[in-house]
Amino acid sequence: QLQAFGGGLVQAGGSLRLACAASSRRFAGNVMGWFRQAPGKEREFVAAISWRGDITSYADYVKGRFTISRDNAESTVYPQMNSLKPEDTAVYYCATSGTVLPTPTPRRYDYWGQGTLVTVSS
């Protein structure tokens, strides 16, 4: 009910736009978040956006480079990733949370989609 796509191989300094499509049931009224997991590392928070799209939250390591947005009519959330670095290489996951405000805490997210791999070459 959540599907992330748009991953691929990109050179350092390049850009990539991911997308996460959800069923209206999973999308409506929920905070949408993005997390990532690099090989051998724990899953970490990337960004999240409130239902109305007026409140966003970013991890410090992507702030200023990534922008999260959502299209509620299409039940889709997008992270635009610019100035990509090799350390951004990871599998990226989207998830939904019933919290009012965007949260970086994975356990606050109820449903997770399959990830999409982003590889940034140096």
PDB file of N, CA and C in Angstrom:
ATOM      1  N   GLN A   1       0.811  -1.206   0.000  1.00  0.00           N
ATOM      2  CA  GLN A   1       0.000   0.000   0.000  1.00  0.00           C
ATOM      3  C   GLN A   1       0.848   1.261   0.000  1.00  0.00           C
ATOM      4  N   LEU A   2       2.145   1.064   0.147  1.00  0.00           N
ATOM      5  CA  LEU A   2       3.097   2.148  -0.014  1.00  0.00           C
ATOM      6  C   LEU A   2       4.169   1.660  -0.968  1.00  0.00           C
ATOM      7  N   GLN A   3       4.474   2.451  -1.958  1.00  0.00           N
ATOM      8  CA  GLN A   3       5.475   2.049  -2.930  1.00  0.00           C
ATOM      9  C   GLN A   3       6.392   3.213  -3.223  1.00  0.00           C
ATOM     10  N   ALA A   4       7.669   3.033  -2.924  1.00  0.00           N
ATOM     11  CA  ALA A   4       8.663   4.047  -3.232  1.00  0.00           C
ATOM     12  C   ALA A   4       9.329   3.703  -4.551  1.00  0.00           C
ATOM     13  N   PHE A   5       9.619   4.721  -5.340  1.00  0.00           N
ATOM     14  CA  PHE A   5      10.301   4.482  -6.606  1.00  0.00           C
ATOM     15  C   PHE A   5      11.059   5.744  -7.005  1.00  0.00           C
ATOM     16  N   GLY A   6      11.884   5.585  -8.019  1.00  0.00           N
ATOM     17  CA  GLY A   6      12.678   6.715  -8.504  1.00  0.00           C
ATOM     18  C   GLY A   6      14.149   6.620  -8.195  1.00  0.00           C
ATOM     19  N   GLY A   7      14.572   5.568  -7.478  1.00  0.00           N
ATOM     20  CA  GLY A   7      15.980   5.421  -7.162  1.00  0.00           C
ATOM     21  C   GLY A   7      16.800   5.099  -8.401  1.00  0.00           C
ATOM     22  N   GLY A   8      18.102   5.173  -8.230  1.00  0.00           N
ATOM     23  CA  GLY A   8      18.990   4.875  -9.342  1.00  0.00           C
ATOM     24  C   GLY A   8      20.405   5.289  -9.022  1.00  0.00           C
ATOM     25  N   LEU A   9      21.223   5.309 -10.066  1.00  0.00           N
ATOM     26  CA  LEU A   9      22.629   5.680  -9.941  1.00  0.00           C
ATOM     27  C   LEU A   9      22.805   7.122 -10.411  1.00  0.00           C
ATOM     28  N   VAL A  10      23.479   7.917  -9.604  1.00  0.00           N
ATOM     29  CA  VAL A  10      23.707   9.309  -9.932  1.00  0.00           C
ATOM     30  C   VAL A  10      25.109   9.701  -9.474  1.00  0.00           C
ATOM     31  N   GLN A  11      25.721  10.621 -10.174  1.00  0.00           N
ATOM     32  CA  GLN A  11      27.054  11.088  -9.793  1.00  0.00           C
ATOM     33  C   GLN A  11      26.960  12.084  -8.643  1.00  0.00           C
ATOM     34  N   ALA A  12      28.011  12.155  -7.882  1.00  0.00           N
ATOM     35  CA  ALA A  12      28.067  13.119  -6.792  1.00  0.00           C
ATOM     36  C   ALA A  12      27.821  14.527  -7.340  1.00  0.00           C
ATOM     37  N   GLY A  13      27.015  15.277  -6.609  1.00  0.00           N
ATOM     38  CA  GLY A  13      26.638  16.618  -7.046  1.00  0.00           C
ATOM     39  C   GLY A  13      25.365  16.647  -7.863  1.00  0.00           C
ATOM     40  N   GLY A  14      24.900  15.487  -8.249  1.00  0.00           N
ATOM     41  CA  GLY A  14      23.703  15.402  -9.058  1.00  0.00           C
ATOM     42  C   GLY A  14      22.430  15.434  -8.231  1.00  0.00           C
ATOM     43  N   SER A  15      21.317  15.273  -8.924  1.00  0.00           N
ATOM     44  CA  SER A  15      20.001  15.341  -8.286  1.00  0.00           C
ATOM     45  C   SER A  15      19.177  14.116  -8.634  1.00  0.00           C
ATOM     46  N   LEU A  16      18.234  13.842  -7.768  1.00  0.00           N
ATOM     47  CA  LEU A  16      17.314  12.728  -7.975  1.00  0.00           C
ATOM     48  C   LEU A  16      16.018  13.061  -7.254  1.00  0.00           C
ATOM     49  N   ARG A  17      14.920  12.678  -7.857  1.00  0.00           N
ATOM     50  CA  ARG A  17      13.623  12.893  -7.226  1.00  0.00           C
ATOM     51  C   ARG A  17      12.953  11.546  -7.007  1.00  0.00           C
ATOM     52  N   LEU A  18      12.751  11.208  -5.759  1.00  0.00           N
ATOM     53  CA  LEU A  18      12.036   9.997  -5.431  1.00  0.00           C
ATOM     54  C   LEU A  18      10.549  10.302  -5.314  1.00  0.00           C
ATOM     55  N   ALA A  19       9.760   9.246  -5.278  1.00  0.00           N
ATOM     56  CA  ALA A  19       8.334   9.392  -5.070  1.00  0.00           C
ATOM     57  C   ALA A  19       7.833   8.217  -4.266  1.00  0.00           C
ATOM     58  N   CYS A  20       6.791   8.456  -3.511  1.00  0.00           N
ATOM     59  CA  CYS A  20       6.148   7.390  -2.753  1.00  0.00           C
ATOM     60  C   CYS A  20       4.654   7.510  -2.972  1.00  0.00           C
ATOM     61  N   ALA A  21       4.080   6.501  -3.581  1.00  0.00           N
ATOM     62  CA  ALA A  21       2.638   6.473  -3.819  1.00  0.00           C
ATOM     63  C   ALA A  21       1.988   5.597  -2.758  1.00  0.00           C
ATOM     64  N   ALA A  22       0.894   6.084  -2.219  1.00  0.00           N
ATOM     65  CA  ALA A  22       0.198   5.349  -1.167  1.00  0.00           C
ATOM     66  C   ALA A  22      -1.268   5.242  -1.496  1.00  0.00           C
ATOM     67  N   SER A  23      -1.911   4.281  -0.889  1.00  0.00           N
ATOM     68  CA  SER A  23      -3.358   4.210  -1.001  1.00  0.00           C
ATOM     69  C   SER A  23      -3.934   5.409  -0.254  1.00  0.00           C
ATOM     70  N   SER A  24      -5.091   5.864  -0.666  1.00  0.00           N
ATOM     71  CA  SER A  24      -5.689   7.033  -0.020  1.00  0.00           C
ATOM     72  C   SER A  24      -5.932   6.768   1.452  1.00  0.00           C
ATOM     73  N   ARG A  25      -6.200   5.521   1.789  1.00  0.00           N
ATOM     74  CA  ARG A  25      -6.432   5.164   3.182  1.00  0.00           C
ATOM     75  C   ARG A  25      -5.181   5.379   4.022  1.00  0.00           C
ATOM     76  N   ARG A  26      -4.034   5.042   3.450  1.00  0.00           N
ATOM     77  CA  ARG A  26      -2.773   5.181   4.190  1.00  0.00           C
ATOM     78  C   ARG A  26      -2.280   6.613   4.154  1.00  0.00           C
ATOM     79  N   PHE A  27      -2.682   7.363   3.169  1.00  0.00           N
ATOM     80  CA  PHE A  27      -2.121   8.691   2.950  1.00  0.00           C
ATOM     81  C   PHE A  27      -2.903   9.785   3.664  1.00  0.00           C
ATOM     82  N   ALA A  28      -4.225   9.684   3.615  1.00  0.00           N
ATOM     83  CA  ALA A  28      -5.076  10.764   4.099  1.00  0.00           C
ATOM     84  C   ALA A  28      -4.874  11.036   5.581  1.00  0.00           C
ATOM     85  N   GLY A  29      -4.613  12.309   5.888  1.00  0.00           N
ATOM     86  CA  GLY A  29      -4.506  12.745   7.266  1.00  0.00           C
ATOM     87  C   GLY A  29      -3.205  12.394   7.953  1.00  0.00           C
ATOM     88  N   ASN A  30      -2.305  11.721   7.258  1.00  0.00           N
ATOM     89  CA  ASN A  30      -1.092  11.233   7.908  1.00  0.00           C
ATOM     90  C   ASN A  30       0.140  12.044   7.568  1.00  0.00           C
ATOM     91  N   VAL A  31       1.041  12.075   8.537  1.00  0.00           N
ATOM     92  CA  VAL A  31       2.394  12.543   8.271  1.00  0.00           C
ATOM     93  C   VAL A  31       3.075  11.509   7.374  1.00  0.00           C
ATOM     94  N   MET A  32       3.846  12.000   6.421  1.00  0.00           N
ATOM     95  CA  MET A  32       4.631  11.111   5.563  1.00  0.00           C
ATOM     96  C   MET A  32       6.108  11.352   5.837  1.00  0.00           C
ATOM     97  N   GLY A  33       6.824  10.277   5.976  1.00  0.00           N
ATOM     98  CA  GLY A  33       8.246  10.403   6.279  1.00  0.00           C
ATOM     99  C   GLY A  33       9.096   9.572   5.335  1.00  0.00           C
ATOM    100  N   TRP A  34      10.364   9.967   5.258  1.00  0.00           N
ATOM    101  CA  TRP A  34      11.355   9.218   4.497  1.00  0.00           C
ATOM    102  C   TRP A  34      12.502   8.859   5.428  1.00  0.00           C
ATOM    103  N   PHE A  35      12.943   7.639   5.289  1.00  0.00           N
ATOM    104  CA  PHE A  35      14.092   7.147   6.037  1.00  0.00           C
ATOM    105  C   PHE A  35      15.040   6.495   5.043  1.00  0.00           C
ATOM    106  N   ARG A  36      16.240   6.215   5.494  1.00  0.00           N
ATOM    107  CA  ARG A  36      17.186   5.522   4.625  1.00  0.00           C
ATOM    108  C   ARG A  36      18.044   4.576   5.459  1.00  0.00           C
ATOM    109  N   GLN A  37      18.554   3.567   4.775  1.00  0.00           N
ATOM    110  CA  GLN A  37      19.428   2.608   5.440  1.00  0.00           C
ATOM    111  C   GLN A  37      20.571   2.254   4.508  1.00  0.00           C
ATOM    112  N   ALA A  38      21.758   2.593   4.936  1.00  0.00           N
ATOM    113  CA  ALA A  38      22.959   2.253   4.184  1.00  0.00           C
ATOM    114  C   ALA A  38      23.450   0.875   4.625  1.00  0.00           C
ATOM    115  N   PRO A  39      24.214   0.207   3.785  1.00  0.00           N
ATOM    116  CA  PRO A  39      24.731  -1.127   4.148  1.00  0.00           C
ATOM    117  C   PRO A  39      25.499  -1.084   5.460  1.00  0.00           C
ATOM    118  N   GLY A  40      25.124  -1.982   6.356  1.00  0.00           N
ATOM    119  CA  GLY A  40      25.821  -2.083   7.633  1.00  0.00           C
ATOM    120  C   GLY A  40      25.458  -1.022   8.650  1.00  0.00           C
ATOM    121  N   LYS A  41      24.481  -0.188   8.313  1.00  0.00           N
ATOM    122  CA  LYS A  41      24.086   0.888   9.227  1.00  0.00           C
ATOM    123  C   LYS A  41      22.623   0.757   9.593  1.00  0.00           C
ATOM    124  N   GLU A  42      22.254   1.441  10.660  1.00  0.00           N
ATOM    125  CA  GLU A  42      20.856   1.437  11.077  1.00  0.00           C
ATOM    126  C   GLU A  42      20.040   2.388  10.201  1.00  0.00           C
ATOM    127  N   ARG A  43      18.758   2.144  10.204  1.00  0.00           N
ATOM    128  CA  ARG A  43      17.861   3.024   9.469  1.00  0.00           C
ATOM    129  C   ARG A  43      17.869   4.397  10.130  1.00  0.00           C
ATOM    130  N   GLU A  44      17.917   5.449   9.319  1.00  0.00           N
ATOM    131  CA  GLU A  44      17.953   6.795   9.861  1.00  0.00           C
ATOM    132  C   GLU A  44      16.923   7.686   9.175  1.00  0.00           C
ATOM    133  N   PHE A  45      16.508   8.685   9.908  1.00  0.00           N
ATOM    134  CA  PHE A  45      15.516   9.645   9.434  1.00  0.00           C
ATOM    135  C   PHE A  45      16.107  10.545   8.362  1.00  0.00           C
ATOM    136  N   VAL A  46      15.281  10.871   7.368  1.00  0.00           N
ATOM    137  CA  VAL A  46      15.695  11.806   6.320  1.00  0.00           C
ATOM    138  C   VAL A  46      14.842  13.074   6.366  1.00  0.00           C
ATOM    139  N   ALA A  47      13.533  12.903   6.212  1.00  0.00           N
ATOM    140  CA  ALA A  47      12.647  14.068   6.177  1.00  0.00           C
ATOM    141  C   ALA A  47      11.214  13.611   6.414  1.00  0.00           C
ATOM    142  N   ALA A  48      10.372  14.551   6.798  1.00  0.00           N
ATOM    143  CA  ALA A  48       8.962  14.247   6.996  1.00  0.00           C
ATOM    144  C   ALA A  48       8.137  15.502   6.742  1.00  0.00           C
ATOM    145  N   ILE A  49       6.859  15.297   6.436  1.00  0.00           N
ATOM    146  CA  ILE A  49       5.986  16.411   6.098  1.00  0.00           C
ATOM    147  C   ILE A  49       4.607  16.168   6.676  1.00  0.00           C
ATOM    148  N   SER A  50       3.980  17.227   7.165  1.00  0.00           N
ATOM    149  CA  SER A  50       2.655  17.126   7.757  1.00  0.00           C
ATOM    150  C   SER A  50       1.601  16.878   6.688  1.00  0.00           C
ATOM    151  N   TRP A  51       0.418  16.524   7.118  1.00  0.00           N
ATOM    152  CA  TRP A  51      -0.668  16.228   6.186  1.00  0.00           C
ATOM    153  C   TRP A  51      -0.944  17.424   5.266  1.00  0.00           C
ATOM    154  N   ARG A  52      -0.964  18.617   5.810  1.00  0.00           N
ATOM    155  CA  ARG A  52      -1.271  19.797   4.996  1.00  0.00           C
ATOM    156  C   ARG A  52      -0.058  20.299   4.221  1.00  0.00           C
ATOM    157  N   GLY A  53       1.090  19.740   4.526  1.00  0.00           N
ATOM    158  CA  GLY A  53       2.290  20.145   3.810  1.00  0.00           C
ATOM    159  C   GLY A  53       2.903  21.432   4.309  1.00  0.00           C
ATOM    160  N   ASP A  54       2.395  21.959   5.416  1.00  0.00           N
ATOM    161  CA  ASP A  54       2.876  23.251   5.890  1.00  0.00           C
ATOM    162  C   ASP A  54       3.992  23.134   6.914  1.00  0.00           C
ATOM    163  N   ILE A  55       4.226  21.936   7.385  1.00  0.00           N
ATOM    164  CA  ILE A  55       5.287  21.713   8.371  1.00  0.00           C
ATOM    165  C   ILE A  55       6.186  20.590   7.863  1.00  0.00           C
ATOM    166  N   THR A  56       7.463  20.877   7.802  1.00  0.00           N
ATOM    167  CA  THR A  56       8.431  19.876   7.359  1.00  0.00           C
ATOM    168  C   THR A  56       9.536  19.736   8.400  1.00  0.00           C
ATOM    169  N   SER A  57      10.195  18.623   8.349  1.00  0.00           N
ATOM    170  CA  SER A  57      11.311  18.354   9.255  1.00  0.00           C
ATOM    171  C   SER A  57      12.388  17.629   8.463  1.00  0.00           C
ATOM    172  N   TYR A  58      13.633  18.015   8.696  1.00  0.00           N
ATOM    173  CA  TYR A  58      14.759  17.417   7.966  1.00  0.00           C
ATOM    174  C   TYR A  58      15.870  17.018   8.936  1.00  0.00           C
ATOM    175  N   ALA A  59      16.539  15.942   8.598  1.00  0.00           N
ATOM    176  CA  ALA A  59      17.755  15.595   9.327  1.00  0.00           C
ATOM    177  C   ALA A  59      18.834  16.611   8.967  1.00  0.00           C
ATOM    178  N   ASP A  60      19.719  16.875   9.893  1.00  0.00           N
ATOM    179  CA  ASP A  60      20.751  17.888   9.664  1.00  0.00           C
ATOM    180  C   ASP A  60      21.605  17.563   8.437  1.00  0.00           C
ATOM    181  N   TYR A  61      21.840  16.286   8.186  1.00  0.00           N
ATOM    182  CA  TYR A  61      22.745  15.918   7.102  1.00  0.00           C
ATOM    183  C   TYR A  61      22.122  16.058   5.720  1.00  0.00           C
ATOM    184  N   VAL A  62      20.831  16.376   5.635  1.00  0.00           N
ATOM    185  CA  VAL A  62      20.221  16.622   4.330  1.00  0.00           C
ATOM    186  C   VAL A  62      19.638  18.024   4.231  1.00  0.00           C
ATOM    187  N   LYS A  63      19.626  18.735   5.338  1.00  0.00           N
ATOM    188  CA  LYS A  63      19.030  20.069   5.356  1.00  0.00           C
ATOM    189  C   LYS A  63      19.740  20.980   4.359  1.00  0.00           C
ATOM    190  N   GLY A  64      18.955  21.675   3.568  1.00  0.00           N
ATOM    191  CA  GLY A  64      19.514  22.553   2.551  1.00  0.00           C
ATOM    192  C   GLY A  64      19.755  21.871   1.218  1.00  0.00           C
ATOM    193  N   ARG A  65      19.719  20.547   1.211  1.00  0.00           N
ATOM    194  CA  ARG A  65      19.937  19.792  -0.030  1.00  0.00           C
ATOM    195  C   ARG A  65      18.676  19.055  -0.473  1.00  0.00           C
ATOM    196  N   PHE A  66      17.900  18.571   0.472  1.00  0.00           N
ATOM    197  CA  PHE A  66      16.689  17.813   0.166  1.00  0.00           C
ATOM    198  C   PHE A  66      15.469  18.673   0.460  1.00  0.00           C
ATOM    199  N   THR A  67      14.434  18.481  -0.350  1.00  0.00           N
ATOM    200  CA  THR A  67      13.160  19.161  -0.128  1.00  0.00           C
ATOM    201  C   THR A  67      12.048  18.137  -0.254  1.00  0.00           C
ATOM    202  N   ILE A  68      11.204  18.081   0.765  1.00  0.00           N
ATOM    203  CA  ILE A  68      10.083  17.140   0.737  1.00  0.00           C
ATOM    204  C   ILE A  68       8.804  17.896   0.423  1.00  0.00           C
ATOM    205  N   SER A  69       7.960  17.293  -0.392  1.00  0.00           N
ATOM    206  CA  SER A  69       6.668  17.889  -0.730  1.00  0.00           C
ATOM    207  C   SER A  69       5.661  16.761  -0.918  1.00  0.00           C
ATOM    208  N   ARG A  70       4.405  17.115  -0.986  1.00  0.00           N
ATOM    209  CA  ARG A  70       3.378  16.091  -1.171  1.00  0.00           C
ATOM    210  C   ARG A  70       2.261  16.631  -2.046  1.00  0.00           C
ATOM    211  N   ASP A  71       1.617  15.712  -2.733  1.00  0.00           N
ATOM    212  CA  ASP A  71       0.452  16.011  -3.560  1.00  0.00           C
ATOM    213  C   ASP A  71      -0.688  15.165  -3.002  1.00  0.00           C
ATOM    214  N   ASN A  72      -1.529  15.766  -2.205  1.00  0.00           N
ATOM    215  CA  ASN A  72      -2.582  14.996  -1.550  1.00  0.00           C
ATOM    216  C   ASN A  72      -3.622  14.478  -2.542  1.00  0.00           C
ATOM    217  N   ALA A  73      -3.812  15.163  -3.631  1.00  0.00           N
ATOM    218  CA  ALA A  73      -4.767  14.692  -4.637  1.00  0.00           C
ATOM    219  C   ALA A  73      -4.278  13.399  -5.289  1.00  0.00           C
ATOM    220  N   GLU A  74      -2.973  13.247  -5.371  1.00  0.00           N
ATOM    221  CA  GLU A  74      -2.374  12.054  -5.974  1.00  0.00           C
ATOM    222  C   GLU A  74      -1.875  11.059  -4.937  1.00  0.00           C
ATOM    223  N   SER A  75      -2.025  11.394  -3.651  1.00  0.00           N
ATOM    224  CA  SER A  75      -1.544  10.516  -2.569  1.00  0.00           C
ATOM    225  C   SER A  75      -0.088  10.147  -2.760  1.00  0.00           C
ATOM    226  N   THR A  76       0.699  11.149  -3.063  1.00  0.00           N
ATOM    227  CA  THR A  76       2.114  10.921  -3.354  1.00  0.00           C
ATOM    228  C   THR A  76       2.961  11.936  -2.604  1.00  0.00           C
ATOM    229  N   VAL A  77       4.098  11.485  -2.131  1.00  0.00           N
ATOM    230  CA  VAL A  77       5.040  12.371  -1.464  1.00  0.00           C
ATOM    231  C   VAL A  77       6.377  12.282  -2.195  1.00  0.00           C
ATOM    232  N   TYR A  78       7.037  13.423  -2.317  1.00  0.00           N
ATOM    233  CA  TYR A  78       8.256  13.509  -3.117  1.00  0.00           C
ATOM    234  C   TYR A  78       9.398  14.108  -2.288  1.00  0.00           C
ATOM    235  N   PRO A  79      10.538  13.455  -2.243  1.00  0.00           N
ATOM    236  CA  PRO A  79      11.734  14.138  -1.792  1.00  0.00           C
ATOM    237  C   PRO A  79      12.599  14.512  -2.996  1.00  0.00           C
ATOM    238  N   GLN A  80      12.858  15.780  -3.152  1.00  0.00           N
ATOM    239  CA  GLN A  80      13.779  16.228  -4.177  1.00  0.00           C
ATOM    240  C   GLN A  80      15.159  16.273  -3.540  1.00  0.00           C
ATOM    241  N   MET A  81      16.091  15.526  -4.099  1.00  0.00           N
ATOM    242  CA  MET A  81      17.417  15.404  -3.508  1.00  0.00           C
ATOM    243  C   MET A  81      18.435  16.048  -4.433  1.00  0.00           C
ATOM    244  N   ASN A  82      19.045  17.113  -3.965  1.00  0.00           N
ATOM    245  CA  ASN A  82      20.044  17.841  -4.742  1.00  0.00           C
ATOM    246  C   ASN A  82      21.407  17.735  -4.074  1.00  0.00           C
ATOM    247  N   SER A  83      22.428  18.081  -4.823  1.00  0.00           N
ATOM    248  CA  SER A  83      23.808  18.067  -4.308  1.00  0.00           C
ATOM    249  C   SER A  83      24.125  16.749  -3.603  1.00  0.00           C
ATOM    250  N   LEU A  84      23.795  15.676  -4.256  1.00  0.00           N
ATOM    251  CA  LEU A  84      23.962  14.360  -3.645  1.00  0.00           C
ATOM    252  C   LEU A  84      25.430  14.039  -3.399  1.00  0.00           C
ATOM    253  N   LYS A  85      25.656  13.316  -2.312  1.00  0.00           N
ATOM    254  CA  LYS A  85      26.998  12.915  -1.899  1.00  0.00           C
ATOM    255  C   LYS A  85      27.069  11.391  -1.844  1.00  0.00           C
ATOM    256  N   PRO A  86      28.255  10.832  -1.962  1.00  0.00           N
ATOM    257  CA  PRO A  86      28.378   9.369  -1.858  1.00  0.00           C
ATOM    258  C   PRO A  86      27.783   8.827  -0.566  1.00  0.00           C
ATOM    259  N   GLU A  87      27.850   9.590   0.501  1.00  0.00           N
ATOM    260  CA  GLU A  87      27.296   9.123   1.778  1.00  0.00           C
ATOM    261  C   GLU A  87      25.779   9.117   1.808  1.00  0.00           C
ATOM    262  N   ASP A  88      25.146   9.632   0.766  1.00  0.00           N
ATOM    263  CA  ASP A  88      23.691   9.531   0.641  1.00  0.00           C
ATOM    264  C   ASP A  88      23.270   8.183   0.063  1.00  0.00           C
ATOM    265  N   THR A  89      24.216   7.378  -0.331  1.00  0.00           N
ATOM    266  CA  THR A  89      23.909   6.059  -0.870  1.00  0.00           C
ATOM    267  C   THR A  89      23.219   5.211   0.184  1.00  0.00           C
ATOM    268  N   ALA A  90      22.044   4.712  -0.171  1.00  0.00           N
ATOM    269  CA  ALA A  90      21.244   3.937   0.782  1.00  0.00           C
ATOM    270  C   ALA A  90      19.980   3.460   0.086  1.00  0.00           C
ATOM    271  N   VAL A  91      19.278   2.586   0.766  1.00  0.00           N
ATOM    272  CA  VAL A  91      17.913   2.254   0.368  1.00  0.00           C
ATOM    273  C   VAL A  91      17.001   3.243   1.083  1.00  0.00           C
ATOM    274  N   TYR A  92      16.152   3.890   0.331  1.00  0.00           N
ATOM    275  CA  TYR A  92      15.255   4.911   0.870  1.00  0.00           C
ATOM    276  C   TYR A  92      13.854   4.339   1.016  1.00  0.00           C
ATOM    277  N   TYR A  93      13.257   4.582   2.182  1.00  0.00           N
ATOM    278  CA  TYR A  93      11.935   4.070   2.502  1.00  0.00           C
ATOM    279  C   TYR A  93      10.986   5.214   2.830  1.00  0.00           C
ATOM    280  N   CYS A  94       9.729   5.044   2.460  1.00  0.00           N
ATOM    281  CA  CYS A  94       8.713   5.985   2.895  1.00  0.00           C
ATOM    282  C   CYS A  94       7.816   5.297   3.917  1.00  0.00           C
ATOM    283  N   ALA A  95       7.176   6.094   4.745  1.00  0.00           N
ATOM    284  CA  ALA A  95       6.340   5.550   5.800  1.00  0.00           C
ATOM    285  C   ALA A  95       5.284   6.566   6.194  1.00  0.00           C
ATOM    286  N   THR A  96       4.221   6.080   6.816  1.00  0.00           N
ATOM    287  CA  THR A  96       3.151   6.956   7.283  1.00  0.00           C
ATOM    288  C   THR A  96       3.083   6.947   8.805  1.00  0.00           C
ATOM    289  N   SER A  97       2.691   8.077   9.354  1.00  0.00           N
ATOM    290  CA  SER A  97       2.559   8.213  10.802  1.00  0.00           C
ATOM    291  C   SER A  97       1.273   8.950  11.126  1.00  0.00           C
ATOM    292  N   GLY A  98       0.609   8.498  12.189  1.00  0.00           N
ATOM    293  CA  GLY A  98      -0.618   9.145  12.626  1.00  0.00           C
ATOM    294  C   GLY A  98      -0.391  10.345  13.530  1.00  0.00           C
ATOM    295  N   THR A  99       0.879  10.720  13.721  1.00  0.00           N
ATOM    296  CA  THR A  99       1.157  11.892  14.537  1.00  0.00           C
ATOM    297  C   THR A  99       0.698  13.159  13.825  1.00  0.00           C
ATOM    298  N   VAL A 100       0.487  14.204  14.588  1.00  0.00           N
ATOM    299  CA  VAL A 100       0.048  15.483  14.027  1.00  0.00           C
ATOM    300  C   VAL A 100       1.228  16.204  13.370  1.00  0.00           C
ATOM    301  N   LEU A 101       2.356  16.153  14.048  1.00  0.00           N
ATOM    302  CA  LEU A 101       3.543  16.836  13.557  1.00  0.00           C
ATOM    303  C   LEU A 101       4.548  15.830  12.999  1.00  0.00           C
ATOM    304  N   PRO A 102       5.354  16.253  12.018  1.00  0.00           N
ATOM    305  CA  PRO A 102       6.397  15.362  11.503  1.00  0.00           C
ATOM    306  C   PRO A 102       7.328  14.910  12.626  1.00  0.00           C
ATOM    307  N   THR A 103       7.681  13.650  12.606  1.00  0.00           N
ATOM    308  CA  THR A 103       8.529  13.104  13.655  1.00  0.00           C
ATOM    309  C   THR A 103       9.678  12.313  13.050  1.00  0.00           C
ATOM    310  N   PRO A 104      10.859  12.374  13.642  1.00  0.00           N
ATOM    311  CA  PRO A 104      12.001  11.605  13.145  1.00  0.00           C
ATOM    312  C   PRO A 104      12.100  10.205  13.756  1.00  0.00           C
ATOM    313  N   THR A 105      11.161   9.839  14.587  1.00  0.00           N
ATOM    314  CA  THR A 105      11.224   8.583  15.343  1.00  0.00           C
ATOM    315  C   THR A 105      10.590   7.441  14.564  1.00  0.00           C
ATOM    316  N   PRO A 106      11.374   6.469  14.155  1.00  0.00           N
ATOM    317  CA  PRO A 106      10.829   5.379  13.331  1.00  0.00           C
ATOM    318  C   PRO A 106       9.646   4.643  13.961  1.00  0.00           C
ATOM    319  N   ARG A 107       9.660   4.487  15.282  1.00  0.00           N
ATOM    320  CA  ARG A 107       8.588   3.695  15.900  1.00  0.00           C
ATOM    321  C   ARG A 107       7.258   4.434  15.872  1.00  0.00           C
ATOM    322  N   ARG A 108       7.264   5.709  15.517  1.00  0.00           N
ATOM    323  CA  ARG A 108       6.013   6.455  15.409  1.00  0.00           C
ATOM    324  C   ARG A 108       5.357   6.260  14.040  1.00  0.00           C
ATOM    325  N   TYR A 109       6.010   5.536  13.175  1.00  0.00           N
ATOM    326  CA  TYR A 109       5.476   5.283  11.839  1.00  0.00           C
ATOM    327  C   TYR A 109       4.857   3.886  11.792  1.00  0.00           C
ATOM    328  N   ASP A 110       3.673   3.830  11.241  1.00  0.00           N
ATOM    329  CA  ASP A 110       2.888   2.602  11.299  1.00  0.00           C
ATOM    330  C   ASP A 110       3.063   1.704  10.077  1.00  0.00           C
ATOM    331  N   TYR A 111       3.179   2.312   8.936  1.00  0.00           N
ATOM    332  CA  TYR A 111       3.246   1.536   7.703  1.00  0.00           C
ATOM    333  C   TYR A 111       4.462   1.976   6.899  1.00  0.00           C
ATOM    334  N   TRP A 112       5.119   0.972   6.359  1.00  0.00           N
ATOM    335  CA  TRP A 112       6.342   1.212   5.614  1.00  0.00           C
ATOM    336  C   TRP A 112       6.232   0.615   4.219  1.00  0.00           C
ATOM    337  N   GLY A 113       6.792   1.315   3.265  1.00  0.00           N
ATOM    338  CA  GLY A 113       6.822   0.788   1.920  1.00  0.00           C
ATOM    339  C   GLY A 113       8.135   0.067   1.650  1.00  0.00           C
ATOM    340  N   GLN A 114       8.174  -0.617   0.524  1.00  0.00           N
ATOM    341  CA  GLN A 114       9.424  -1.206   0.084  1.00  0.00           C
ATOM    342  C   GLN A 114      10.351  -0.082  -0.360  1.00  0.00           C
ATOM    343  N   GLY A 115      11.607  -0.253  -0.114  1.00  0.00           N
ATOM    344  CA  GLY A 115      12.549   0.798  -0.400  1.00  0.00           C
ATOM    345  C   GLY A 115      12.969   0.866  -1.856  1.00  0.00           C
ATOM    346  N   THR A 116      13.640   1.952  -2.170  1.00  0.00           N
ATOM    347  CA  THR A 116      14.223   2.134  -3.485  1.00  0.00           C
ATOM    348  C   THR A 116      15.691   2.536  -3.296  1.00  0.00           C
ATOM    349  N   LEU A 117      16.555   1.906  -4.073  1.00  0.00           N
ATOM    350  CA  LEU A 117      17.992   2.098  -3.874  1.00  0.00           C
ATOM    351  C   LEU A 117      18.498   3.334  -4.593  1.00  0.00           C
ATOM    352  N   VAL A 118      19.232   4.149  -3.856  1.00  0.00           N
ATOM    353  CA  VAL A 118      19.912   5.310  -4.418  1.00  0.00           C
ATOM    354  C   VAL A 118      21.411   5.091  -4.254  1.00  0.00           C
ATOM    355  N   THR A 119      22.121   5.167  -5.363  1.00  0.00           N
ATOM    356  CA  THR A 119      23.569   5.009  -5.333  1.00  0.00           C
ATOM    357  C   THR A 119      24.216   6.261  -5.898  1.00  0.00           C
ATOM    358  N   VAL A 120      25.081   6.873  -5.111  1.00  0.00           N
ATOM    359  CA  VAL A 120      25.767   8.090  -5.533  1.00  0.00           C
ATOM    360  C   VAL A 120      27.243   7.763  -5.719  1.00  0.00           C
ATOM    361  N   SER A 121      27.697   7.910  -6.943  1.00  0.00           N
ATOM    362  CA  SER A 121      29.101   7.598  -7.248  1.00  0.00           C
ATOM    363  C   SER A 121      29.972   8.842  -7.092  1.00  0.00           C
ATOM    364  N   SER A 122      31.199   8.612  -6.659  1.00  0.00           N
ATOM    365  CA  SER A 122      32.115   9.745  -6.457  1.00  0.00           C
ATOM    366  C   SER A 122      32.866  10.097  -7.732  1.00  0.00           C
TER     367      SER A 122
END
